[in-house]
Protein backbone atom coordinates (compact mmCIF):
# COMPACT_ATOMS: atom_id res chain seq x y z
CA MET A 1 196.83 -46.23 -19.32
CA ASN A 2 196.81 -47.00 -15.61
CA VAL A 3 196.68 -43.56 -13.84
CA LEU A 4 196.77 -42.80 -10.20
CA PHE A 5 195.81 -39.35 -8.94
CA ILE A 6 196.99 -38.61 -5.44
CA ASN A 7 195.88 -35.75 -3.42
CA SER A 8 196.51 -35.60 0.36
CA ILE A 9 194.65 -32.35 1.25
CA GLY A 10 192.92 -32.13 4.52
CA ARG A 11 189.74 -34.32 4.94
CA ASP A 12 187.33 -31.18 5.15
CA LYS A 13 189.06 -29.16 2.36
CA PHE A 14 187.62 -29.23 -1.19
CA GLY A 15 188.40 -26.60 -3.81
CA GLY A 16 189.13 -26.14 -7.57
CA GLY A 17 192.09 -28.30 -7.47
CA GLU A 18 190.17 -31.29 -6.07
CA LYS A 19 187.29 -30.66 -8.53
CA TRP A 20 189.77 -30.69 -11.30
CA MET A 21 191.32 -33.85 -10.25
CA VAL A 22 188.11 -35.75 -10.02
CA GLY A 23 186.84 -34.31 -13.22
CA ALA A 24 190.09 -35.30 -14.93
CA ALA A 25 189.88 -38.85 -13.50
CA LYS A 26 186.14 -39.17 -14.48
CA GLY A 27 186.96 -38.01 -18.07
CA LEU A 28 189.85 -40.39 -18.55
CA LEU A 29 187.80 -43.24 -16.93
CA ASP A 30 185.04 -42.64 -19.39
CA ARG A 31 187.59 -43.00 -22.25
CA GLY A 32 188.40 -46.47 -21.21
CA HIS A 33 191.52 -45.86 -19.01
CA ASN A 34 192.02 -47.44 -15.62
CA VAL A 35 192.00 -44.54 -13.13
CA THR A 36 192.01 -44.27 -9.27
CA VAL A 37 191.93 -41.33 -7.00
CA ALA A 38 193.91 -41.60 -3.70
CA GLY A 39 193.38 -39.36 -0.70
CA ARG A 40 192.89 -39.17 2.96
CA ASN A 41 190.26 -41.46 4.67
CA ARG A 42 186.82 -39.89 4.88
CA SER A 43 188.03 -36.83 2.92
CA LYS A 44 185.83 -34.70 0.79
CA ILE A 45 187.68 -35.46 -2.42
CA LEU A 46 187.17 -39.26 -1.98
CA GLY A 47 183.56 -38.69 -1.28
CA TYR A 48 183.09 -36.61 -4.42
CA ALA A 49 185.06 -39.13 -6.46
CA ASN A 50 182.75 -41.86 -5.23
CA GLU A 51 179.76 -39.92 -6.16
CA LYS A 52 181.22 -39.49 -9.72
CA GLY A 53 181.83 -43.28 -9.94
CA VAL A 54 185.52 -42.89 -9.82
CA PRO A 55 187.40 -45.69 -7.96
CA THR A 56 189.27 -44.53 -4.88
CA THR A 57 191.83 -45.70 -2.40
CA VAL A 58 192.96 -44.41 0.94
CA VAL A 59 196.51 -42.93 1.21
CA GLU A 60 197.53 -40.95 4.15
CA ILE A 61 200.40 -38.51 3.78
CA HIS A 62 200.94 -36.07 6.57
CA SER A 63 204.52 -34.87 6.07
CA ASP A 64 207.32 -34.30 3.47
CA ILE A 65 209.37 -37.38 4.59
CA SER A 66 207.83 -40.73 5.56
CA PRO A 67 209.95 -43.70 4.60
CA LEU A 68 207.42 -46.33 5.61
CA LYS A 69 204.64 -44.58 3.77
CA THR A 70 206.92 -44.28 0.74
CA LEU A 71 207.53 -48.03 0.69
CA ARG A 72 203.86 -48.82 1.02
CA ILE A 73 202.96 -46.58 -1.90
CA ALA A 74 205.79 -48.16 -3.99
CA SER A 75 204.22 -51.54 -3.30
CA PHE A 76 200.87 -50.32 -4.33
CA LEU A 77 202.17 -48.76 -7.55
CA LYS A 78 203.95 -52.03 -8.48
CA LYS A 79 200.97 -54.20 -7.70
CA GLN A 80 198.54 -52.04 -9.64
CA ARG A 81 201.01 -51.58 -12.53
CA VAL A 82 200.52 -47.83 -12.56
CA ASP A 83 201.78 -46.06 -15.56
CA ILE A 84 201.30 -42.45 -14.60
CA LEU A 85 201.21 -40.93 -11.07
CA ILE A 86 199.79 -37.34 -10.93
CA CYS A 87 200.48 -35.61 -7.60
CA ASN A 88 198.72 -32.60 -6.13
CA LEU A 89 200.62 -31.17 -3.14
CA ASN A 90 204.31 -30.77 -2.76
CA LYS A 91 204.37 -33.46 -0.05
CA ASP A 92 202.67 -35.83 -2.41
CA VAL A 93 205.49 -35.43 -4.78
CA ARG A 94 208.24 -35.98 -2.08
CA VAL A 95 206.54 -39.06 -0.59
CA ALA A 96 204.64 -40.63 -3.48
CA GLY A 97 207.06 -39.28 -6.24
CA LEU A 98 209.85 -41.02 -4.51
CA ALA A 99 207.79 -44.20 -4.19
CA ALA A 100 207.17 -44.04 -8.05
CA ARG A 101 210.92 -43.88 -8.72
CA ILE A 102 211.45 -46.83 -6.36
CA ALA A 103 208.69 -48.86 -8.05
CA GLY A 104 209.73 -47.92 -11.48
CA THR A 105 206.60 -46.15 -12.37
CA PRO A 106 207.21 -44.79 -15.87
CA ALA A 107 205.81 -41.11 -15.48
CA VAL A 108 205.29 -39.01 -12.62
CA LEU A 109 203.62 -35.52 -12.95
CA ALA A 110 202.76 -32.75 -10.50
CA ARG A 111 199.59 -30.74 -11.08
CA HIS A 112 199.85 -27.12 -9.99
CA GLY A 113 196.45 -25.17 -10.12
CA MET A 114 198.22 -22.46 -8.25
CA LEU A 115 201.83 -21.18 -7.89
CA LEU A 116 203.05 -23.97 -5.50
CA CYS A 117 206.81 -23.88 -6.40
CA SER A 118 209.07 -21.10 -5.05
CA LYS A 119 212.79 -20.70 -5.61
CA LYS A 120 213.62 -22.85 -2.62
CA TRP A 121 216.20 -25.53 -3.24
CA LYS A 122 213.89 -28.27 -1.97
CA HIS A 123 211.34 -27.43 -4.64
CA ARG A 124 213.99 -27.51 -7.35
CA LEU A 125 215.37 -30.81 -6.05
CA THR A 126 212.03 -32.68 -5.74
CA LEU A 127 210.44 -31.34 -8.84
CA THR A 128 213.37 -31.95 -11.19
CA ARG A 129 214.41 -35.33 -9.62
CA LEU A 130 210.97 -36.85 -8.67
CA THR A 131 208.74 -35.70 -11.49
CA ASP A 132 208.74 -35.77 -15.33
CA GLY A 133 206.79 -32.61 -15.69
CA ILE A 134 204.16 -30.05 -14.37
CA ILE A 135 200.62 -29.63 -15.53
CA THR A 136 199.33 -26.17 -14.86
CA ASN A 137 196.22 -24.22 -15.89
CA SER A 138 197.52 -20.78 -16.93
CA ARG A 139 200.34 -19.13 -18.93
CA THR A 140 201.02 -16.93 -15.93
CA ILE A 141 202.17 -19.82 -13.80
CA ARG A 142 204.15 -21.44 -16.63
CA ASP A 143 205.99 -18.12 -17.19
CA ALA A 144 206.64 -17.69 -13.55
CA TYR A 145 208.35 -21.15 -13.38
CA ALA A 146 210.23 -20.51 -16.66
CA ALA A 147 211.89 -17.56 -14.96
CA TYR A 148 213.43 -19.82 -12.40
CA GLY A 149 215.64 -21.48 -15.08
CA TRP A 150 215.33 -24.87 -13.72
CA PHE A 151 213.05 -26.58 -16.24
CA ASP A 152 213.37 -27.53 -19.87
CA PRO A 153 211.11 -25.50 -22.16
CA ASP A 154 208.53 -28.24 -22.45
CA PHE A 155 208.57 -29.32 -18.76
CA VAL A 156 205.58 -27.28 -17.76
CA LYS A 157 202.50 -27.91 -19.78
CA VAL A 158 199.43 -25.52 -19.70
CA ILE A 159 196.17 -27.34 -20.00
CA TYR A 160 193.28 -25.02 -19.34
CA ASN A 161 190.59 -26.18 -16.94
CA GLY A 162 187.40 -27.37 -18.49
CA ILE A 163 183.84 -27.37 -17.17
CA THR A 164 180.77 -29.44 -18.00
CA ILE A 165 178.12 -26.98 -19.09
CA PRO A 166 174.65 -28.12 -18.06
CA GLU A 167 172.21 -28.76 -20.90
CA SER A 168 169.62 -26.73 -19.10
CA THR A 169 169.47 -24.74 -15.88
CA LYS A 170 166.39 -23.27 -14.19
CA PRO A 171 167.33 -19.83 -12.89
CA HIS A 172 167.15 -19.31 -9.18
CA ASP A 173 164.38 -16.98 -8.44
CA PHE A 174 166.06 -14.13 -6.48
CA SER A 175 163.10 -11.79 -7.01
CA ALA A 176 160.98 -13.86 -4.52
CA ARG A 177 163.30 -12.81 -1.70
CA PHE A 178 164.59 -9.54 -3.15
CA PRO A 179 161.76 -7.95 -5.26
CA LYS A 180 162.96 -5.25 -7.72
CA LYS A 181 166.61 -5.64 -6.78
CA LYS A 182 169.64 -6.29 -9.05
CA ILE A 183 171.66 -9.34 -7.79
CA ILE A 184 175.42 -9.12 -7.60
CA TYR A 185 176.52 -12.73 -6.99
CA SER A 186 179.82 -14.24 -5.99
CA ALA A 187 180.88 -17.73 -4.67
CA GLY A 188 183.83 -19.36 -2.87
CA ARG A 189 185.47 -20.33 0.29
CA LEU A 190 185.14 -17.58 2.93
CA ALA A 191 188.94 -17.26 3.21
CA GLU A 192 191.32 -14.36 2.89
CA GLN A 193 192.39 -15.51 -0.58
CA LYS A 194 188.88 -14.81 -1.96
CA GLY A 195 188.85 -11.15 -1.08
CA PHE A 196 185.27 -10.98 0.18
CA GLY A 197 186.26 -8.35 2.70
CA TYR A 198 186.98 -6.00 -0.31
CA LEU A 199 183.69 -6.97 -1.89
CA VAL A 200 181.85 -5.91 1.41
CA ASP A 201 183.64 -2.65 1.30
CA ALA A 202 182.70 -2.05 -2.28
CA ALA A 203 179.04 -2.90 -1.48
CA ALA A 204 179.15 -0.26 1.30
CA ILE A 205 180.33 2.37 -1.17
CA LEU A 206 177.58 1.58 -3.60
CA CYS A 207 174.90 1.23 -0.90
CA ARG A 208 175.57 4.79 0.27
CA GLU A 209 174.50 5.97 -3.29
CA ARG A 210 171.61 3.55 -4.13
CA ASP A 211 169.28 1.03 -2.67
CA ASP A 212 168.62 -1.20 -5.59
CA LEU A 213 171.39 -3.73 -5.23
CA VAL A 214 171.77 -6.89 -3.11
CA PHE A 215 175.04 -8.82 -2.93
CA VAL A 216 174.69 -12.57 -2.43
CA VAL A 217 177.66 -14.87 -1.57
CA SER A 218 177.51 -18.56 -1.65
CA GLY A 219 180.29 -20.31 0.48
CA GLU A 220 181.36 -21.25 3.94
CA GLY A 221 184.70 -20.90 5.73
CA LYS A 222 186.56 -19.66 8.76
CA LEU A 223 186.06 -15.95 7.94
CA GLU A 224 182.26 -16.23 8.08
CA ALA A 225 181.80 -14.54 11.44
CA SER A 226 184.30 -11.75 10.75
CA LEU A 227 182.76 -11.10 7.38
CA LYS A 228 179.29 -10.96 8.77
CA ALA A 229 180.53 -8.60 11.46
CA ARG A 230 182.05 -6.40 8.77
CA VAL A 231 178.71 -6.20 7.03
CA LEU A 232 176.94 -5.16 10.19
CA ALA A 233 179.51 -2.49 10.93
CA ALA A 234 178.97 -1.14 7.48
CA GLY A 235 175.13 -1.03 8.03
CA ILE A 236 174.48 -3.08 4.91
CA LYS A 237 172.96 -6.20 6.49
CA SER A 238 169.85 -6.14 4.22
CA ALA A 239 171.91 -5.72 1.08
CA PHE A 240 174.71 -8.21 1.63
CA VAL A 241 173.67 -11.86 2.08
CA PHE A 242 175.68 -14.96 2.92
CA ASP A 243 173.91 -17.90 1.36
CA GLY A 244 175.90 -20.77 2.82
CA PHE A 245 177.42 -23.66 1.04
CA THR A 246 175.64 -24.37 -2.30
CA ALA A 247 176.55 -27.66 -4.00
CA ASP A 248 175.28 -26.47 -7.43
CA ILE A 249 175.63 -22.79 -8.07
CA TYR A 250 174.59 -22.89 -11.72
CA PRO A 251 170.82 -21.83 -10.87
CA ARG A 252 172.20 -18.87 -8.84
CA LEU A 253 174.55 -17.94 -11.61
CA ALA A 254 171.72 -18.21 -14.13
CA GLY A 255 169.50 -15.98 -11.96
CA CYS A 256 171.80 -13.32 -11.02
CA ASP A 257 172.47 -10.04 -12.95
CA LEU A 258 176.33 -9.85 -12.47
CA PHE A 259 179.10 -12.08 -11.11
CA VAL A 260 182.15 -10.59 -9.29
CA LEU A 261 185.40 -12.34 -8.40
CA ALA A 262 187.23 -10.37 -5.81
CA SER A 263 190.10 -12.79 -5.18
CA LEU A 264 193.61 -11.86 -4.14
CA PHE A 265 195.19 -14.82 -5.93
CA GLU A 266 193.94 -17.78 -8.08
CA GLY A 267 195.08 -20.36 -10.52
CA MET A 268 192.41 -20.65 -13.14
CA PRO A 269 189.13 -19.63 -11.39
CA ASN A 270 186.51 -22.25 -12.40
CA VAL A 271 183.67 -19.99 -10.93
CA VAL A 272 184.41 -17.41 -13.54
CA MET A 273 184.15 -19.97 -16.29
CA GLU A 274 180.86 -21.17 -14.80
CA ALA A 275 179.42 -17.63 -14.66
CA MET A 276 180.42 -17.00 -18.28
CA ALA A 277 178.81 -20.40 -19.34
CA MET A 278 175.53 -19.09 -17.86
CA GLY A 279 175.79 -15.96 -20.05
CA LYS A 280 176.70 -13.62 -17.22
CA PRO A 281 178.86 -10.50 -17.33
CA VAL A 282 181.90 -10.98 -15.20
CA ILE A 283 183.96 -8.56 -13.16
CA ALA A 284 187.24 -10.23 -12.02
CA THR A 285 190.28 -9.12 -10.23
CA ASP A 286 193.59 -9.30 -12.15
CA VAL A 287 194.85 -12.57 -10.69
CA ASN A 288 196.45 -15.65 -12.29
CA GLY A 289 194.39 -16.89 -15.27
CA ALA A 290 191.81 -14.01 -15.09
CA ARG A 291 193.06 -12.43 -18.34
CA GLU A 292 193.16 -15.79 -20.02
CA LEU A 293 189.55 -16.36 -19.09
CA VAL A 294 188.02 -12.77 -19.36
CA ASP A 295 188.61 -10.88 -22.61
CA ASN A 296 188.63 -7.39 -20.87
CA GLY A 297 186.16 -5.12 -22.41
CA GLU A 298 184.56 -7.87 -24.40
CA THR A 299 183.30 -10.56 -22.08
CA GLY A 300 183.77 -8.72 -18.82
CA LEU A 301 186.06 -6.36 -16.91
CA VAL A 302 189.41 -7.03 -15.21
CA ILE A 303 190.20 -4.83 -12.29
CA PRO A 304 193.10 -4.41 -9.72
CA PRO A 305 192.87 -6.76 -6.59
CA ARG A 306 192.53 -5.28 -3.08
CA ASP A 307 190.68 -2.19 -4.26
CA PRO A 308 187.15 -1.86 -3.17
CA ARG A 309 186.66 1.45 -5.09
CA ALA A 310 187.68 -0.28 -8.37
CA ILE A 311 185.10 -3.03 -7.69
CA ALA A 312 182.45 -0.36 -6.89
CA ARG A 313 183.23 1.64 -10.00
CA ALA A 314 183.08 -1.54 -12.21
CA ILE A 315 179.84 -2.66 -10.80
CA GLY A 316 178.28 0.93 -10.96
CA GLY A 317 179.43 1.52 -14.53
CA LEU A 318 178.10 -1.89 -15.73
CA ILE A 319 174.88 -2.75 -13.85
CA ASP A 320 172.93 0.11 -15.38
CA ASN A 321 174.09 -0.68 -18.92
CA PRO A 322 171.92 -3.68 -20.08
CA GLU A 323 173.10 -3.73 -23.61
CA THR A 324 176.78 -4.01 -22.54
CA MET A 325 175.82 -6.64 -19.97
CA THR A 326 174.06 -8.75 -22.57
CA SER A 327 176.89 -8.44 -25.01
CA PHE A 328 179.47 -9.43 -22.33
CA GLY A 329 177.33 -12.36 -21.39
CA GLU A 330 176.74 -13.75 -24.85
CA LYS A 331 180.49 -13.34 -25.88
CA GLY A 332 181.43 -14.99 -22.62
CA ARG A 333 179.23 -17.95 -23.10
CA ASP A 334 180.73 -18.36 -26.58
CA ARG A 335 184.27 -18.19 -25.30
CA VAL A 336 183.73 -20.84 -22.71
CA ALA A 337 182.05 -23.12 -25.23
CA ALA A 338 185.01 -22.67 -27.63
CA LEU A 339 187.90 -22.88 -25.19
CA PHE A 340 187.01 -24.18 -21.79
CA THR A 341 184.80 -27.27 -22.08
CA MET A 342 185.56 -30.50 -20.16
CA GLU A 343 185.82 -32.38 -23.38
CA ARG A 344 188.55 -30.08 -24.71
CA MET A 345 190.39 -30.36 -21.37
CA ILE A 346 190.22 -34.21 -21.41
CA ASP A 347 191.45 -34.22 -25.01
CA ALA A 348 194.52 -32.15 -24.12
CA LEU A 349 195.15 -34.03 -20.93
CA GLU A 350 195.02 -37.42 -22.51
CA ARG A 351 197.28 -36.45 -25.39
CA HIS A 352 199.80 -35.12 -22.89
CA LEU A 353 199.69 -38.19 -20.75
CA LEU A 354 200.13 -40.51 -23.60
CA THR A 355 203.09 -38.39 -24.92
CA LYS A 356 204.81 -38.43 -21.58
CA LEU A 357 204.27 -42.19 -21.18
CA ASN A 358 205.67 -42.87 -24.67
CA GLU A 359 208.63 -40.57 -23.93
CA LYS A 360 209.53 -42.40 -20.82
CA THR A 361 208.91 -45.96 -22.12
CA ASP A 362 211.03 -45.28 -25.36
CA ARG A 363 213.94 -44.34 -23.07
CA ARG A 364 213.91 -47.65 -21.33
């Protein structure tokens, strides 16, 4: 197969969707397919793809309608004989998806790692006319789209995210900086979506009752200053630490005691998989994909979002129960190894793409 992934996300933005796209491209490339990732010039996704040895090309899409850009992409698709185009953002579908129809590209798919399609007419028009299906990573999103009544039953395909589990990881030594403390760890962009303000409030509740906990957050983002101000106002500066951007969080996951996801919404949160892969108990808010990852009461706890007291209760009830934490961690690691590996994801993706390609070529 000749596959083109296109993702016009901003140059400085990089999240789970971009990580998925490069991981999928790399997996297909390693299986002998011709794969290219397209994105904006000097973007983080192209830099990451280059690091992974995935061929890249520059495509600048800045708006929903761009006739000249559409024609240029159509020419590229014809020249490269692309079999399958996989689009990330809605504007990618509208500009590059139209280009694929002009070029006669056999199959066009949209990849939705989050709920990107509302009931607006323009979403219905573009997704039903310019794509041949949607790939998503949770049943929650699939079921939401099914309720719209627009799509055939097999139009939206669930392919769970997969991660590459390191063969060995040296745990980060938190005790050198925080002796005799229990480490509550979290990671993600410092953005409203990730709910770190609620985690700060939960930490303040717990720190009024005990002094043996330290909260560590890896990440950067536009809310960094306001979150640090919130920590100062709560009087917990020594117990709540912002660790900055961390390229490889596995050592920190391996070295912490407990992982918390406080997000307000997600697709399929990779960071939860990564924590479980390191054998750590997980507390996660009840957002898209969380219950498909976390077996509540077996591998971790699922709690309501936007509720600092629920976060505090969950942490307080778990952190002093080493037997339960060990059990959650072991069962979580087994669950990820069985259901959420990169190999399993690439198997499912490759089968789906070949099926779609065969369906489209058979109709010609």
